[in-house]
Each structure stands twice: as structure tokens, then as C-alpha cells.
């Protein structure tokens, strides 16, 4: 799996949208969409549903390793 695992949102911008419910889950897709339509939602990020499934395949330690860079970048985005 070499695809994006973490999607950010905040300040009226979002990497996802409501049509990405399969990827982001219901809450993640709705938070992204609310940002895009101007609802004041605090910045944050969503880890994809595929990553959850991948966790069951590769285990906790491997997922931590795979997610570390993307999560740290998303946290920096949220802090900014």
C-alpha cells in the first residue's frame, strides 16, 4: 500500500470531501466537507479507513512506522 494514509483539513481547506466517505469514513468526510463550505471547524486530520484495515494485516508496530511521517506532517499542519 503506497497511497496516502492521512488527509488534513482546516482554515477553509481540505484534502478530502463528502464524496470520499469510503476513504475517510463518515466523520472524516463530513469534517472535510464542512471546512470546504465554510463551517468553522478546528484544523485536524483523518487517517484513512484503509489504514485501519492495513493495521490488522501488518500489526501495530509496522503501522506506526508507516504512519509516522504523515502524522507528524499533519500535526505540524494542525499546529500552524
N, C-alpha and C. Protein backbone atom coordinates (compact mmCIF):
# COMPACT_ATOMS: atom_id res chain seq x y z
N UNK A 1 0.85 -1.19 0.00
CA UNK A 1 0.00 0.00 0.00
C UNK A 1 0.89 1.24 0.00
N UNK A 2 0.90 1.98 -1.07
CA UNK A 2 1.74 3.17 -1.19
C UNK A 2 0.92 4.44 -1.33
N UNK A 3 -0.35 4.36 -0.98
CA UNK A 3 -1.20 5.53 -1.15
C UNK A 3 -1.20 6.40 0.10
N UNK A 4 -1.79 7.53 -0.01
CA UNK A 4 -1.90 8.50 1.07
C UNK A 4 -2.72 7.90 2.21
N UNK A 5 -2.24 8.03 3.44
CA UNK A 5 -2.92 7.49 4.60
C UNK A 5 -3.53 8.55 5.50
N UNK A 6 -3.08 9.80 5.36
CA UNK A 6 -3.52 10.89 6.24
C UNK A 6 -3.97 12.08 5.40
N UNK A 7 -5.17 12.59 5.68
CA UNK A 7 -5.74 13.73 4.97
C UNK A 7 -6.00 14.85 5.97
N UNK A 8 -5.54 16.06 5.66
CA UNK A 8 -5.71 17.20 6.56
C UNK A 8 -6.90 18.06 6.16
N UNK A 9 -7.37 18.84 7.13
CA UNK A 9 -8.42 19.83 6.89
C UNK A 9 -8.22 20.98 7.87
N UNK A 10 -8.74 22.15 7.49
CA UNK A 10 -8.67 23.31 8.37
C UNK A 10 -8.56 24.60 7.59
N UNK A 11 -8.99 25.69 8.22
CA UNK A 11 -8.90 27.03 7.64
C UNK A 11 -9.55 27.12 6.27
N UNK A 12 -10.68 26.44 6.11
CA UNK A 12 -11.42 26.52 4.86
C UNK A 12 -10.89 25.64 3.73
N UNK A 13 -9.88 24.83 4.03
CA UNK A 13 -9.30 23.94 3.02
C UNK A 13 -9.38 22.51 3.53
N UNK A 14 -9.43 21.57 2.61
CA UNK A 14 -9.43 20.15 2.98
C UNK A 14 -8.90 19.32 1.83
N UNK A 15 -8.16 18.28 2.19
CA UNK A 15 -7.65 17.37 1.16
C UNK A 15 -8.73 16.37 0.73
N UNK A 16 -9.78 16.26 1.49
CA UNK A 16 -10.87 15.35 1.16
C UNK A 16 -12.16 16.10 0.95
N UNK A 17 -13.26 15.34 0.74
CA UNK A 17 -14.58 15.94 0.59
C UNK A 17 -15.64 14.88 0.90
N UNK A 18 -16.92 15.25 0.80
CA UNK A 18 -18.01 14.36 1.16
C UNK A 18 -18.06 13.11 0.29
N UNK A 19 -17.58 13.18 -0.93
CA UNK A 19 -17.60 12.02 -1.82
C UNK A 19 -16.55 10.98 -1.45
N UNK A 20 -15.69 11.28 -0.50
CA UNK A 20 -14.62 10.36 -0.10
C UNK A 20 -14.98 9.57 1.15
N UNK A 21 -16.26 9.34 1.38
CA UNK A 21 -16.73 8.63 2.58
C UNK A 21 -16.10 7.24 2.71
N UNK A 22 -15.90 6.53 1.62
CA UNK A 22 -15.28 5.20 1.66
C UNK A 22 -13.84 5.28 2.15
N UNK A 23 -13.15 6.34 1.81
CA UNK A 23 -11.74 6.51 2.17
C UNK A 23 -11.58 7.10 3.57
N UNK A 24 -12.37 8.14 3.87
CA UNK A 24 -12.20 8.90 5.11
C UNK A 24 -13.14 8.48 6.23
N UNK A 25 -14.12 7.64 5.92
CA UNK A 25 -15.14 7.34 6.90
C UNK A 25 -16.14 8.49 6.96
N UNK A 26 -17.25 8.29 7.60
CA UNK A 26 -18.30 9.30 7.65
C UNK A 26 -17.86 10.59 8.34
N UNK A 27 -17.26 10.47 9.51
CA UNK A 27 -16.84 11.67 10.24
C UNK A 27 -15.76 12.44 9.50
N UNK A 28 -14.76 11.72 8.98
CA UNK A 28 -13.68 12.38 8.27
C UNK A 28 -14.16 13.11 7.03
N UNK A 29 -15.04 12.46 6.27
CA UNK A 29 -15.59 13.08 5.06
C UNK A 29 -16.42 14.31 5.41
N UNK A 30 -17.21 14.21 6.47
CA UNK A 30 -18.05 15.34 6.86
C UNK A 30 -17.23 16.50 7.40
N UNK A 31 -16.18 16.23 8.16
CA UNK A 31 -15.31 17.32 8.64
C UNK A 31 -14.63 18.03 7.47
N UNK A 32 -14.17 17.27 6.50
CA UNK A 32 -13.56 17.87 5.31
C UNK A 32 -14.57 18.74 4.58
N UNK A 33 -15.77 18.21 4.38
CA UNK A 33 -16.80 18.95 3.64
C UNK A 33 -17.22 20.22 4.40
N UNK A 34 -17.35 20.13 5.71
CA UNK A 34 -17.72 21.32 6.50
C UNK A 34 -16.68 22.42 6.33
N UNK A 35 -15.39 22.05 6.30
CA UNK A 35 -14.35 23.03 6.05
C UNK A 35 -14.51 23.67 4.70
N UNK A 36 -14.80 22.86 3.69
CA UNK A 36 -14.91 23.38 2.33
C UNK A 36 -16.09 24.32 2.15
N UNK A 37 -17.16 24.16 2.93
CA UNK A 37 -18.33 25.04 2.78
C UNK A 37 -18.31 26.19 3.79
N UNK A 38 -17.24 26.30 4.58
CA UNK A 38 -17.08 27.46 5.43
C UNK A 38 -17.53 27.32 6.87
N UNK A 39 -17.91 26.12 7.30
CA UNK A 39 -18.26 25.92 8.71
C UNK A 39 -16.97 26.00 9.52
N UNK A 40 -16.95 26.76 10.63
CA UNK A 40 -15.72 26.90 11.41
C UNK A 40 -15.39 25.63 12.20
N UNK A 41 -14.59 24.78 11.60
CA UNK A 41 -14.14 23.54 12.22
C UNK A 41 -12.65 23.68 12.53
N UNK A 42 -12.23 23.35 13.74
CA UNK A 42 -10.80 23.43 14.05
C UNK A 42 -9.98 22.54 13.11
N UNK A 43 -8.76 22.94 12.78
CA UNK A 43 -7.91 22.13 11.91
C UNK A 43 -7.66 20.75 12.51
N UNK A 44 -7.47 19.78 11.64
CA UNK A 44 -7.19 18.43 12.10
C UNK A 44 -6.82 17.53 10.94
N UNK A 45 -6.87 16.23 11.19
CA UNK A 45 -6.56 15.27 10.13
C UNK A 45 -7.31 13.97 10.36
N UNK A 46 -7.45 13.21 9.29
CA UNK A 46 -8.14 11.93 9.32
C UNK A 46 -7.20 10.86 8.77
N UNK A 47 -7.13 9.75 9.48
CA UNK A 47 -6.39 8.58 9.00
C UNK A 47 -7.38 7.70 8.26
N UNK A 48 -7.03 7.24 7.08
CA UNK A 48 -7.98 6.55 6.21
C UNK A 48 -8.48 5.22 6.78
N UNK A 49 -9.64 4.82 6.29
CA UNK A 49 -10.21 3.53 6.68
C UNK A 49 -9.34 2.37 6.17
N UNK A 50 -8.70 2.54 5.02
CA UNK A 50 -7.80 1.50 4.51
C UNK A 50 -6.63 1.27 5.46
N UNK A 51 -6.19 2.32 6.13
CA UNK A 51 -5.10 2.18 7.09
C UNK A 51 -5.54 1.34 8.27
N UNK A 52 -6.79 1.47 8.67
CA UNK A 52 -7.33 0.62 9.74
C UNK A 52 -7.28 -0.84 9.32
N UNK A 53 -7.72 -1.13 8.12
CA UNK A 53 -7.66 -2.50 7.61
C UNK A 53 -6.22 -2.99 7.50
N UNK A 54 -5.34 -2.10 7.08
CA UNK A 54 -3.92 -2.45 6.95
C UNK A 54 -3.32 -2.79 8.33
N UNK A 55 -3.77 -2.11 9.36
CA UNK A 55 -3.32 -2.38 10.73
C UNK A 55 -3.53 -3.86 11.08
N UNK A 56 -4.70 -4.39 10.71
CA UNK A 56 -4.99 -5.79 11.01
C UNK A 56 -4.11 -6.75 10.22
N UNK A 57 -3.62 -6.30 9.08
CA UNK A 57 -2.76 -7.14 8.24
C UNK A 57 -1.30 -7.12 8.70
N UNK A 58 -0.79 -5.92 9.05
CA UNK A 58 0.64 -5.79 9.33
C UNK A 58 0.98 -5.58 10.80
N UNK A 59 0.01 -5.23 11.62
CA UNK A 59 0.26 -5.07 13.04
C UNK A 59 0.59 -3.64 13.46
N UNK A 60 0.56 -3.45 14.76
CA UNK A 60 0.71 -2.12 15.35
C UNK A 60 2.06 -1.47 15.06
N UNK A 61 3.13 -2.20 15.26
CA UNK A 61 4.46 -1.61 15.09
C UNK A 61 4.71 -1.16 13.65
N UNK A 62 4.30 -1.98 12.69
CA UNK A 62 4.51 -1.62 11.28
C UNK A 62 3.65 -0.42 10.89
N UNK A 63 2.41 -0.36 11.39
CA UNK A 63 1.54 0.79 11.09
C UNK A 63 2.14 2.06 11.67
N UNK A 64 2.64 1.99 12.89
CA UNK A 64 3.28 3.17 13.49
C UNK A 64 4.42 3.67 12.60
N UNK A 65 5.22 2.73 12.12
CA UNK A 65 6.34 3.08 11.24
C UNK A 65 5.84 3.71 9.93
N UNK A 66 4.80 3.12 9.35
CA UNK A 66 4.27 3.62 8.08
C UNK A 66 3.60 4.98 8.22
N UNK A 67 2.99 5.23 9.37
CA UNK A 67 2.23 6.47 9.56
C UNK A 67 3.06 7.64 10.10
N UNK A 68 4.19 7.36 10.71
CA UNK A 68 4.91 8.38 11.46
C UNK A 68 5.14 9.68 10.69
N UNK A 69 5.69 9.62 9.50
CA UNK A 69 6.00 10.84 8.76
C UNK A 69 4.73 11.62 8.39
N UNK A 70 3.71 10.91 7.91
CA UNK A 70 2.47 11.58 7.52
C UNK A 70 1.75 12.20 8.72
N UNK A 71 1.73 11.48 9.84
CA UNK A 71 1.07 12.01 11.03
C UNK A 71 1.83 13.23 11.56
N UNK A 72 3.14 13.16 11.60
CA UNK A 72 3.92 14.31 12.07
C UNK A 72 3.70 15.54 11.18
N UNK A 73 3.61 15.34 9.88
CA UNK A 73 3.33 16.45 8.97
C UNK A 73 1.92 16.99 9.21
N UNK A 74 0.97 16.10 9.46
CA UNK A 74 -0.42 16.53 9.72
C UNK A 74 -0.51 17.28 11.04
N UNK A 75 0.23 16.85 12.05
CA UNK A 75 0.24 17.55 13.33
C UNK A 75 0.84 18.94 13.15
N UNK A 76 1.91 19.05 12.38
CA UNK A 76 2.51 20.36 12.11
C UNK A 76 1.51 21.26 11.38
N UNK A 77 0.78 20.70 10.43
CA UNK A 77 -0.25 21.46 9.72
C UNK A 77 -1.33 21.95 10.69
N UNK A 78 -1.73 21.08 11.60
CA UNK A 78 -2.75 21.43 12.58
C UNK A 78 -2.26 22.52 13.53
N UNK A 79 -1.02 22.42 13.95
CA UNK A 79 -0.45 23.41 14.86
C UNK A 79 -0.32 24.78 14.20
N UNK A 80 -0.04 24.78 12.89
CA UNK A 80 0.14 26.05 12.17
C UNK A 80 -1.20 26.74 12.05
